[in-house]
Amino acid sequence: SYFITTARGFIHDESALFEALRNKSIAGAGLDVWAKEPPPPDHPLLQ
């Protein structure tokens, strides 16, 4: 499954999403909102 958010940052936990992606618990994500906007280029989820 894929996680998609076009709502607001802080509704989902970015660290928890990072772990889910790293562990391949989910297939991928589509992210339009961030805890800090815009996210820095070295944001873990952008890797």
All heavy atoms as atom14 arrays in JSON, in Angstrom:
{
  "sequence": "SYFITTARGFIHDESALFEALRNKSIAGAGLDVWAKEPPPPDHPLLQ",
  "atom14_mask": [
    [1, 1, 1, 1, 1, 1, 0, 0, 0, 0, 0, 0, 0, 0],
    [1, 1, 1, 1, 1, 1, 1, 1, 1, 1, 1, 1, 0, 0],
    [1, 1, 1, 1, 1, 1, 1, 1, 1, 1, 1, 0, 0, 0],
    [1, 1, 1, 1, 1, 1, 1, 1, 0, 0, 0, 0, 0, 0],
    [1, 1, 1, 1, 1, 1, 1, 0, 0, 0, 0, 0, 0, 0],
    [1, 1, 1, 1, 1, 1, 1, 0, 0, 0, 0, 0, 0, 0],
    [1, 1, 1, 1, 1, 0, 0, 0, 0, 0, 0, 0, 0, 0],
    [1, 1, 1, 1, 1, 1, 1, 1, 1, 1, 1, 0, 0, 0],
    [1, 1, 1, 1, 0, 0, 0, 0, 0, 0, 0, 0, 0, 0],
    [1, 1, 1, 1, 1, 1, 1, 1, 1, 1, 1, 0, 0, 0],
    [1, 1, 1, 1, 1, 1, 1, 1, 0, 0, 0, 0, 0, 0],
    [1, 1, 1, 1, 1, 1, 1, 1, 1, 1, 0, 0, 0, 0],
    [1, 1, 1, 1, 1, 1, 1, 1, 0, 0, 0, 0, 0, 0],
    [1, 1, 1, 1, 1, 1, 1, 1, 1, 0, 0, 0, 0, 0],
    [1, 1, 1, 1, 1, 1, 0, 0, 0, 0, 0, 0, 0, 0],
    [1, 1, 1, 1, 1, 0, 0, 0, 0, 0, 0, 0, 0, 0],
    [1, 1, 1, 1, 1, 1, 1, 1, 0, 0, 0, 0, 0, 0],
    [1, 1, 1, 1, 1, 1, 1, 1, 1, 1, 1, 0, 0, 0],
    [1, 1, 1, 1, 1, 1, 1, 1, 1, 0, 0, 0, 0, 0],
    [1, 1, 1, 1, 1, 0, 0, 0, 0, 0, 0, 0, 0, 0],
    [1, 1, 1, 1, 1, 1, 1, 1, 0, 0, 0, 0, 0, 0],
    [1, 1, 1, 1, 1, 1, 1, 1, 1, 1, 1, 0, 0, 0],
    [1, 1, 1, 1, 1, 1, 1, 1, 0, 0, 0, 0, 0, 0],
    [1, 1, 1, 1, 1, 1, 1, 1, 1, 0, 0, 0, 0, 0],
    [1, 1, 1, 1, 1, 1, 0, 0, 0, 0, 0, 0, 0, 0],
    [1, 1, 1, 1, 1, 1, 1, 1, 0, 0, 0, 0, 0, 0],
    [1, 1, 1, 1, 1, 0, 0, 0, 0, 0, 0, 0, 0, 0],
    [1, 1, 1, 1, 0, 0, 0, 0, 0, 0, 0, 0, 0, 0],
    [1, 1, 1, 1, 1, 0, 0, 0, 0, 0, 0, 0, 0, 0],
    [1, 1, 1, 1, 0, 0, 0, 0, 0, 0, 0, 0, 0, 0],
    [1, 1, 1, 1, 1, 1, 1, 1, 0, 0, 0, 0, 0, 0],
    [1, 1, 1, 1, 1, 1, 1, 1, 0, 0, 0, 0, 0, 0],
    [1, 1, 1, 1, 1, 1, 1, 0, 0, 0, 0, 0, 0, 0],
    [1, 1, 1, 1, 1, 1, 1, 1, 1, 1, 1, 1, 1, 1],
    [1, 1, 1, 1, 1, 0, 0, 0, 0, 0, 0, 0, 0, 0],
    [1, 1, 1, 1, 1, 1, 1, 1, 1, 0, 0, 0, 0, 0],
    [1, 1, 1, 1, 1, 1, 1, 1, 1, 0, 0, 0, 0, 0],
    [1, 1, 1, 1, 1, 1, 1, 0, 0, 0, 0, 0, 0, 0],
    [1, 1, 1, 1, 1, 1, 1, 0, 0, 0, 0, 0, 0, 0],
    [1, 1, 1, 1, 1, 1, 1, 0, 0, 0, 0, 0, 0, 0],
    [1, 1, 1, 1, 1, 1, 1, 0, 0, 0, 0, 0, 0, 0],
    [1, 1, 1, 1, 1, 1, 1, 1, 0, 0, 0, 0, 0, 0],
    [1, 1, 1, 1, 1, 1, 1, 1, 1, 1, 0, 0, 0, 0],
    [1, 1, 1, 1, 1, 1, 1, 0, 0, 0, 0, 0, 0, 0],
    [1, 1, 1, 1, 1, 1, 1, 1, 0, 0, 0, 0, 0, 0],
    [1, 1, 1, 1, 1, 1, 1, 1, 0, 0, 0, 0, 0, 0],
    [1, 1, 1, 1, 1, 1, 1, 1, 1, 0, 0, 0, 0, 0]
  ],
  "atom14_positions": [
    [[0.82, -1.22, 0.0], [0.0, 0.0, 0.0], [0.85, 1.27, 0.0], [2.03, 1.26, 0.37], [-0.94, 0.01, 1.21], [-0.2, 0.0, 2.41], [0.0, 0.0, 0.0], [0.0, 0.0, 0.0], [0.0, 0.0, 0.0], [0.0, 0.0, 0.0], [0.0, 0.0, 0.0], [0.0, 0.0, 0.0], [0.0, 0.0, 0.0], [0.0, 0.0, 0.0]],
    [[0.21, 2.36, -0.4], [0.87, 3.67, -0.5], [0.17, 4.66, 0.42], [-1.05, 4.68, 0.53], [0.82, 4.19, -1.94], [1.68, 3.4, -2.9], [1.19, 2.24, -3.49], [2.97, 3.81, -3.2], [1.97, 1.5, -4.37], [3.76, 3.08, -4.08], [3.25, 1.93, -4.66], [4.04, 1.2, -5.53], [0.0, 0.0, 0.0], [0.0, 0.0, 0.0]],
    [[0.98, 5.51, 1.04], [0.48, 6.56, 1.92], [0.58, 7.89, 1.2], [1.64, 8.26, 0.7], [1.31, 6.6, 3.21], [0.93, 7.72, 4.14], [-0.21, 7.62, 4.93], [1.7, 8.87, 4.22], [-0.57, 8.65, 5.79], [1.36, 9.9, 5.08], [0.22, 9.8, 5.87], [0.0, 0.0, 0.0], [0.0, 0.0, 0.0], [0.0, 0.0, 0.0]],
    [[-0.54, 8.62, 1.12], [-0.59, 9.9, 0.4], [-1.19, 10.95, 1.31], [-2.22, 10.72, 1.93], [-1.46, 9.77, -0.88], [-0.94, 8.65, -1.78], [-1.51, 11.09, -1.64], [-1.92, 8.21, -2.85], [0.0, 0.0, 0.0], [0.0, 0.0, 0.0], [0.0, 0.0, 0.0], [0.0, 0.0, 0.0], [0.0, 0.0, 0.0], [0.0, 0.0, 0.0]],
    [[-0.54, 12.11, 1.38], [-1.14, 13.19, 2.16], [-1.03, 14.52, 1.43], [0.03, 14.92, 0.96], [-0.5, 13.31, 3.56], [-1.11, 14.4, 4.25], [1.0, 13.5, 3.49], [0.0, 0.0, 0.0], [0.0, 0.0, 0.0], [0.0, 0.0, 0.0], [0.0, 0.0, 0.0], [0.0, 0.0, 0.0], [0.0, 0.0, 0.0], [0.0, 0.0, 0.0]],
    [[-2.18, 15.17, 1.35], [-2.26, 16.54, 0.81], [-2.95, 17.42, 1.83], [-3.57, 18.42, 1.48], [-3.06, 16.55, -0.51], [-4.35, 15.97, -0.28], [-2.35, 15.75, -1.59], [0.0, 0.0, 0.0], [0.0, 0.0, 0.0], [0.0, 0.0, 0.0], [0.0, 0.0, 0.0], [0.0, 0.0, 0.0], [0.0, 0.0, 0.0], [0.0, 0.0, 0.0]],
    [[-2.83, 17.04, 3.11], [-3.57, 17.74, 4.17], [-2.69, 18.78, 4.85], [-2.53, 19.89, 4.36], [-4.09, 16.71, 5.17], [0.0, 0.0, 0.0], [0.0, 0.0, 0.0], [0.0, 0.0, 0.0], [0.0, 0.0, 0.0], [0.0, 0.0, 0.0], [0.0, 0.0, 0.0], [0.0, 0.0, 0.0], [0.0, 0.0, 0.0], [0.0, 0.0, 0.0]],
    [[-2.09, 18.42, 5.97], [-1.21, 19.31, 6.73], [-0.11, 18.48, 7.38], [-0.3, 17.3, 7.68], [-1.99, 20.07, 7.82], [-2.93, 21.15, 7.3], [-2.18, 22.33, 6.71], [-3.07, 23.4, 6.31], [-3.65, 23.5, 5.13], [-3.46, 22.55, 4.22], [-4.42, 24.53, 4.84], [0.0, 0.0, 0.0], [0.0, 0.0, 0.0], [0.0, 0.0, 0.0]],
    [[1.02, 19.11, 7.61], [2.06, 18.46, 8.37], [1.59, 18.22, 9.8], [0.63, 18.84, 10.25], [0.0, 0.0, 0.0], [0.0, 0.0, 0.0], [0.0, 0.0, 0.0], [0.0, 0.0, 0.0], [0.0, 0.0, 0.0], [0.0, 0.0, 0.0], [0.0, 0.0, 0.0], [0.0, 0.0, 0.0], [0.0, 0.0, 0.0], [0.0, 0.0, 0.0]],
    [[2.26, 17.32, 10.49], [1.99, 16.97, 11.88], [0.8, 16.03, 12.04], [0.58, 15.52, 13.14], [1.79, 18.19, 12.77], [2.99, 19.1, 12.81], [2.99, 20.32, 12.14], [4.13, 18.71, 13.5], [4.09, 21.14, 12.16], [5.24, 19.54, 13.54], [5.24, 20.75, 12.87], [0.0, 0.0, 0.0], [0.0, 0.0, 0.0], [0.0, 0.0, 0.0]],
    [[0.0, 15.79, 10.99], [-1.04, 14.77, 11.1], [-0.39, 13.39, 11.1], [-0.8, 12.5, 11.84], [-2.07, 14.91, 9.96], [-2.87, 16.2, 10.13], [-3.02, 13.7, 9.93], [-3.83, 16.49, 9.0], [0.0, 0.0, 0.0], [0.0, 0.0, 0.0], [0.0, 0.0, 0.0], [0.0, 0.0, 0.0], [0.0, 0.0, 0.0], [0.0, 0.0, 0.0]],
    [[0.64, 13.22, 10.29], [1.4, 11.98, 10.33], [2.77, 12.24, 10.94], [3.31, 13.34, 10.86], [1.54, 11.37, 8.93], [2.48, 12.12, 8.01], [2.11, 13.27, 7.35], [3.77, 11.89, 7.68], [3.13, 13.71, 6.63], [4.15, 12.89, 6.82], [0.0, 0.0, 0.0], [0.0, 0.0, 0.0], [0.0, 0.0, 0.0], [0.0, 0.0, 0.0]],
    [[3.32, 11.21, 11.54], [4.63, 11.27, 12.18], [5.68, 10.96, 11.11], [5.74, 9.84, 10.6], [4.68, 10.24, 13.31], [5.98, 10.27, 14.08], [7.04, 10.54, 13.49], [5.96, 10.01, 15.29], [0.0, 0.0, 0.0], [0.0, 0.0, 0.0], [0.0, 0.0, 0.0], [0.0, 0.0, 0.0], [0.0, 0.0, 0.0], [0.0, 0.0, 0.0]],
    [[6.51, 11.94, 10.77], [7.49, 11.76, 9.71], [8.53, 10.7, 10.06], [8.97, 9.94, 9.19], [8.15, 13.08, 9.37], [7.2, 14.07, 8.7], [7.88, 15.37, 8.3], [9.04, 15.6, 8.73], [7.26, 16.16, 7.56], [0.0, 0.0, 0.0], [0.0, 0.0, 0.0], [0.0, 0.0, 0.0], [0.0, 0.0, 0.0], [0.0, 0.0, 0.0]],
    [[8.92, 10.64, 11.31], [9.9, 9.62, 11.73], [9.32, 8.22, 11.59], [10.0, 7.28, 11.16], [10.34, 9.87, 13.18], [11.01, 11.11, 13.3], [0.0, 0.0, 0.0], [0.0, 0.0, 0.0], [0.0, 0.0, 0.0], [0.0, 0.0, 0.0], [0.0, 0.0, 0.0], [0.0, 0.0, 0.0], [0.0, 0.0, 0.0], [0.0, 0.0, 0.0]],
    [[8.05, 8.07, 11.96], [7.39, 6.76, 11.83], [7.24, 6.37, 10.37], [7.4, 5.2, 10.0], [6.03, 6.8, 12.51], [0.0, 0.0, 0.0], [0.0, 0.0, 0.0], [0.0, 0.0, 0.0], [0.0, 0.0, 0.0], [0.0, 0.0, 0.0], [0.0, 0.0, 0.0], [0.0, 0.0, 0.0], [0.0, 0.0, 0.0], [0.0, 0.0, 0.0]],
    [[6.95, 7.35, 9.51], [6.85, 7.07, 8.08], [8.21, 6.65, 7.53], [8.31, 5.73, 6.71], [6.33, 8.29, 7.33], [6.26, 8.17, 5.81], [5.4, 6.99, 5.38], [5.74, 9.47, 5.19], [0.0, 0.0, 0.0], [0.0, 0.0, 0.0], [0.0, 0.0, 0.0], [0.0, 0.0, 0.0], [0.0, 0.0, 0.0], [0.0, 0.0, 0.0]],
    [[9.28, 7.32, 7.97], [10.62, 6.95, 7.55], [10.91, 5.49, 7.89], [11.43, 4.72, 7.06], [11.65, 7.86, 8.22], [13.08, 7.46, 7.97], [13.73, 7.86, 6.83], [13.75, 6.65, 8.88], [15.05, 7.48, 6.59], [15.06, 6.27, 8.66], [15.72, 6.68, 7.5], [0.0, 0.0, 0.0], [0.0, 0.0, 0.0], [0.0, 0.0, 0.0]],
    [[10.57, 5.08, 9.1], [10.82, 3.7, 9.52], [9.99, 2.72, 8.7], [10.47, 1.64, 8.33], [10.52, 3.54, 11.01], [11.48, 4.27, 11.93], [12.91, 3.78, 11.8], [13.1, 2.56, 11.52], [13.84, 4.59, 11.97], [0.0, 0.0, 0.0], [0.0, 0.0, 0.0], [0.0, 0.0, 0.0], [0.0, 0.0, 0.0], [0.0, 0.0, 0.0]],
    [[8.74, 3.08, 8.41], [7.87, 2.2, 7.63], [8.43, 2.0, 6.22], [8.4, 0.89, 5.67], [6.46, 2.76, 7.57], [0.0, 0.0, 0.0], [0.0, 0.0, 0.0], [0.0, 0.0, 0.0], [0.0, 0.0, 0.0], [0.0, 0.0, 0.0], [0.0, 0.0, 0.0], [0.0, 0.0, 0.0], [0.0, 0.0, 0.0], [0.0, 0.0, 0.0]],
    [[8.97, 3.06, 5.64], [9.56, 2.96, 4.3], [10.88, 2.21, 4.34], [11.16, 1.38, 3.47], [9.76, 4.36, 3.73], [8.48, 5.12, 3.37], [8.77, 6.59, 3.14], [7.82, 4.51, 2.13], [0.0, 0.0, 0.0], [0.0, 0.0, 0.0], [0.0, 0.0, 0.0], [0.0, 0.0, 0.0], [0.0, 0.0, 0.0], [0.0, 0.0, 0.0]],
    [[11.68, 2.48, 5.35], [12.99, 1.82, 5.44], [12.82, 0.32, 5.65], [13.56, -0.5, 5.09], [13.81, 2.41, 6.59], [15.22, 1.85, 6.66], [16.05, 2.52, 7.73], [15.57, 2.19, 9.08], [16.23, 2.51, 10.19], [17.37, 3.18, 10.1], [15.75, 2.19, 11.37], [0.0, 0.0, 0.0], [0.0, 0.0, 0.0], [0.0, 0.0, 0.0]],
    [[11.81, -0.06, 6.46], [11.56, -1.47, 6.73], [10.7, -2.13, 5.66], [10.36, -3.32, 5.79], [10.88, -1.62, 8.09], [11.76, -1.12, 9.22], [12.98, -1.15, 9.13], [11.13, -0.65, 10.31], [0.0, 0.0, 0.0], [0.0, 0.0, 0.0], [0.0, 0.0, 0.0], [0.0, 0.0, 0.0], [0.0, 0.0, 0.0], [0.0, 0.0, 0.0]],
    [[10.29, -1.35, 4.65], [9.44, -1.83, 3.56], [8.12, -2.37, 4.08], [7.56, -3.33, 3.55], [10.18, -2.88, 2.73], [11.43, -2.32, 2.06], [12.11, -3.34, 1.17], [13.33, -2.72, 0.49], [14.04, -3.68, -0.38], [0.0, 0.0, 0.0], [0.0, 0.0, 0.0], [0.0, 0.0, 0.0], [0.0, 0.0, 0.0], [0.0, 0.0, 0.0]],
    [[7.62, -1.73, 5.15], [6.3, -2.09, 5.68], [5.2, -1.61, 4.75], [4.09, -2.15, 4.76], [6.11, -1.48, 7.07], [7.09, -1.94, 7.96], [0.0, 0.0, 0.0], [0.0, 0.0, 0.0], [0.0, 0.0, 0.0], [0.0, 0.0, 0.0], [0.0, 0.0, 0.0], [0.0, 0.0, 0.0], [0.0, 0.0, 0.0], [0.0, 0.0, 0.0]],
    [[5.48, -0.53, 3.98], [4.57, -0.04, 2.96], [5.36, 0.16, 1.67], [6.6, 0.19, 1.69], [3.87, 1.28, 3.38], [4.89, 2.4, 3.58], [3.05, 1.06, 4.65], [4.24, 3.76, 3.85], [0.0, 0.0, 0.0], [0.0, 0.0, 0.0], [0.0, 0.0, 0.0], [0.0, 0.0, 0.0], [0.0, 0.0, 0.0], [0.0, 0.0, 0.0]],
    [[4.64, 0.32, 0.56], [5.32, 0.35, -0.74], [5.89, 1.71, -1.1], [6.85, 1.8, -1.87], [4.36, -0.12, -1.83], [0.0, 0.0, 0.0], [0.0, 0.0, 0.0], [0.0, 0.0, 0.0], [0.0, 0.0, 0.0], [0.0, 0.0, 0.0], [0.0, 0.0, 0.0], [0.0, 0.0, 0.0], [0.0, 0.0, 0.0], [0.0, 0.0, 0.0]],
    [[5.29, 2.78, -0.58], [5.78, 4.11, -0.95], [4.87, 5.18, -0.4], [3.91, 4.91, 0.31], [0.0, 0.0, 0.0], [0.0, 0.0, 0.0], [0.0, 0.0, 0.0], [0.0, 0.0, 0.0], [0.0, 0.0, 0.0], [0.0, 0.0, 0.0], [0.0, 0.0, 0.0], [0.0, 0.0, 0.0], [0.0, 0.0, 0.0], [0.0, 0.0, 0.0]],
    [[5.21, 6.43, -0.74], [4.44, 7.56, -0.21], [4.43, 8.7, -1.21], [5.37, 8.87, -1.99], [5.03, 8.03, 1.12], [0.0, 0.0, 0.0], [0.0, 0.0, 0.0], [0.0, 0.0, 0.0], [0.0, 0.0, 0.0], [0.0, 0.0, 0.0], [0.0, 0.0, 0.0], [0.0, 0.0, 0.0], [0.0, 0.0, 0.0], [0.0, 0.0, 0.0]],
    [[3.36, 9.48, -1.15], [3.24, 10.72, -1.9], [3.0, 11.84, -0.91], [1.98, 11.84, -0.22], [0.0, 0.0, 0.0], [0.0, 0.0, 0.0], [0.0, 0.0, 0.0], [0.0, 0.0, 0.0], [0.0, 0.0, 0.0], [0.0, 0.0, 0.0], [0.0, 0.0, 0.0], [0.0, 0.0, 0.0], [0.0, 0.0, 0.0], [0.0, 0.0, 0.0]],
    [[3.93, 12.78, -0.79], [3.9, 13.78, 0.27], [3.87, 15.19, -0.3], [4.78, 15.61, -1.02], [5.13, 13.62, 1.17], [5.4, 12.21, 1.71], [6.7, 12.18, 2.48], [4.24, 11.74, 2.57], [0.0, 0.0, 0.0], [0.0, 0.0, 0.0], [0.0, 0.0, 0.0], [0.0, 0.0, 0.0], [0.0, 0.0, 0.0], [0.0, 0.0, 0.0]],
    [[2.82, 15.93, 0.05], [2.71, 17.33, -0.35], [2.85, 18.27, 0.84], [2.96, 19.47, 0.66], [1.38, 17.58, -1.07], [1.26, 18.99, -1.61], [2.18, 19.43, -2.33], [0.26, 19.67, -1.31], [0.0, 0.0, 0.0], [0.0, 0.0, 0.0], [0.0, 0.0, 0.0], [0.0, 0.0, 0.0], [0.0, 0.0, 0.0], [0.0, 0.0, 0.0]],
    [[2.8, 17.73, 2.06], [2.86, 18.56, 3.26], [3.93, 18.02, 4.2], [4.21, 16.82, 4.24], [1.5, 18.63, 3.97], [0.48, 19.36, 3.11], [0.99, 17.24, 4.31], [0.0, 0.0, 0.0], [0.0, 0.0, 0.0], [0.0, 0.0, 0.0], [0.0, 0.0, 0.0], [0.0, 0.0, 0.0], [0.0, 0.0, 0.0], [0.0, 0.0, 0.0]],
    [[4.51, 18.94, 4.99], [5.66, 18.61, 5.8], [5.58, 19.31, 7.15], [4.9, 20.32, 7.29], [6.94, 19.05, 5.07], [7.02, 18.52, 3.69], [6.4, 19.03, 2.57], [7.7, 17.35, 3.26], [6.68, 18.24, 1.49], [7.47, 17.21, 1.87], [8.5, 16.4, 3.91], [8.01, 16.17, 1.13], [9.04, 15.36, 3.17], [8.79, 15.25, 1.8]],
    [[6.31, 18.77, 8.13], [6.38, 19.42, 9.43], [7.07, 20.77, 9.31], [6.69, 21.75, 9.96], [7.13, 18.53, 10.43], [0.0, 0.0, 0.0], [0.0, 0.0, 0.0], [0.0, 0.0, 0.0], [0.0, 0.0, 0.0], [0.0, 0.0, 0.0], [0.0, 0.0, 0.0], [0.0, 0.0, 0.0], [0.0, 0.0, 0.0], [0.0, 0.0, 0.0]],
    [[8.1, 20.84, 8.46], [8.76, 22.1, 8.15], [8.66, 22.31, 6.65], [9.07, 21.45, 5.87], [10.23, 22.07, 8.58], [10.98, 23.36, 8.26], [12.43, 23.28, 8.68], [13.15, 24.59, 8.32], [14.59, 24.52, 8.69], [0.0, 0.0, 0.0], [0.0, 0.0, 0.0], [0.0, 0.0, 0.0], [0.0, 0.0, 0.0], [0.0, 0.0, 0.0]],
    [[8.1, 23.45, 6.26], [7.91, 23.71, 4.83], [8.67, 24.96, 4.4], [8.57, 26.0, 5.04], [6.41, 23.86, 4.54], [5.63, 22.58, 4.82], [4.16, 22.67, 4.42], [3.68, 23.79, 4.11], [3.49, 21.63, 4.42], [0.0, 0.0, 0.0], [0.0, 0.0, 0.0], [0.0, 0.0, 0.0], [0.0, 0.0, 0.0], [0.0, 0.0, 0.0]],
    [[9.41, 24.85, 3.27], [9.67, 23.6, 2.54], [10.66, 22.73, 3.31], [11.44, 23.24, 4.11], [10.28, 24.09, 1.22], [10.95, 25.37, 1.57], [10.07, 26.01, 2.63], [0.0, 0.0, 0.0], [0.0, 0.0, 0.0], [0.0, 0.0, 0.0], [0.0, 0.0, 0.0], [0.0, 0.0, 0.0], [0.0, 0.0, 0.0], [0.0, 0.0, 0.0]],
    [[10.64, 21.42, 3.06], [11.58, 20.55, 3.77], [13.0, 20.79, 3.27], [13.19, 21.14, 2.11], [11.09, 19.15, 3.41], [10.42, 19.32, 2.08], [9.78, 20.67, 2.13], [0.0, 0.0, 0.0], [0.0, 0.0, 0.0], [0.0, 0.0, 0.0], [0.0, 0.0, 0.0], [0.0, 0.0, 0.0], [0.0, 0.0, 0.0], [0.0, 0.0, 0.0]],
    [[13.99, 20.63, 4.11], [15.37, 20.8, 3.67], [15.75, 19.72, 2.66], [15.2, 18.61, 2.69], [16.17, 20.68, 4.96], [15.3, 19.89, 5.88], [13.9, 20.27, 5.54], [0.0, 0.0, 0.0], [0.0, 0.0, 0.0], [0.0, 0.0, 0.0], [0.0, 0.0, 0.0], [0.0, 0.0, 0.0], [0.0, 0.0, 0.0], [0.0, 0.0, 0.0]],
    [[16.7, 20.0, 1.76], [17.08, 19.0, 0.74], [17.59, 17.69, 1.33], [17.47, 16.65, 0.68], [18.2, 19.72, -0.04], [17.94, 21.17, 0.18], [17.38, 21.28, 1.57], [0.0, 0.0, 0.0], [0.0, 0.0, 0.0], [0.0, 0.0, 0.0], [0.0, 0.0, 0.0], [0.0, 0.0, 0.0], [0.0, 0.0, 0.0], [0.0, 0.0, 0.0]],
    [[18.13, 17.73, 2.55], [18.64, 16.5, 3.16], [17.6, 15.82, 4.06], [17.95, 14.95, 4.87], [19.91, 16.79, 3.96], [19.66, 17.77, 5.11], [18.57, 18.38, 5.17], [20.57, 17.92, 5.96], [0.0, 0.0, 0.0], [0.0, 0.0, 0.0], [0.0, 0.0, 0.0], [0.0, 0.0, 0.0], [0.0, 0.0, 0.0], [0.0, 0.0, 0.0]],
    [[16.34, 16.2, 3.91], [15.28, 15.56, 4.71], [15.32, 14.06, 4.46], [15.39, 13.6, 3.31], [13.92, 16.13, 4.31], [12.82, 15.77, 5.26], [12.34, 14.49, 5.41], [12.09, 16.54, 6.13], [11.37, 14.47, 6.31], [11.2, 15.7, 6.76], [0.0, 0.0, 0.0], [0.0, 0.0, 0.0], [0.0, 0.0, 0.0], [0.0, 0.0, 0.0]],
    [[15.26, 13.25, 5.51], [15.36, 11.79, 5.34], [14.35, 11.19, 4.36], [14.68, 10.27, 3.61], [15.13, 11.25, 6.77], [15.56, 12.36, 7.66], [15.19, 13.63, 6.94], [0.0, 0.0, 0.0], [0.0, 0.0, 0.0], [0.0, 0.0, 0.0], [0.0, 0.0, 0.0], [0.0, 0.0, 0.0], [0.0, 0.0, 0.0], [0.0, 0.0, 0.0]],
    [[13.13, 11.72, 4.33], [12.11, 11.15, 3.46], [12.38, 11.44, 1.99], [11.86, 10.75, 1.11], [10.72, 11.68, 3.85], [10.17, 11.14, 5.17], [8.91, 11.88, 5.58], [9.9, 9.64, 5.07], [0.0, 0.0, 0.0], [0.0, 0.0, 0.0], [0.0, 0.0, 0.0], [0.0, 0.0, 0.0], [0.0, 0.0, 0.0], [0.0, 0.0, 0.0]],
    [[13.19, 12.45, 1.7], [13.52, 12.77, 0.31], [14.59, 11.84, -0.26], [14.92, 11.93, -1.44], [13.98, 14.22, 0.19], [12.92, 15.28, 0.49], [13.53, 16.67, 0.42], [11.75, 15.16, -0.48], [0.0, 0.0, 0.0], [0.0, 0.0, 0.0], [0.0, 0.0, 0.0], [0.0, 0.0, 0.0], [0.0, 0.0, 0.0], [0.0, 0.0, 0.0]],
    [[15.15, 10.98, 0.57], [16.21, 10.09, 0.11], [15.67, 8.79, -0.49], [16.43, 8.01, -1.06], [17.15, 9.77, 1.28], [17.58, 10.96, 2.11], [18.04, 12.16, 1.28], [18.86, 12.01, 0.38], [17.51, 13.34, 1.6], [0.0, 0.0, 0.0], [0.0, 0.0, 0.0], [0.0, 0.0, 0.0], [0.0, 0.0, 0.0], [0.0, 0.0, 0.0]]
  ]
}
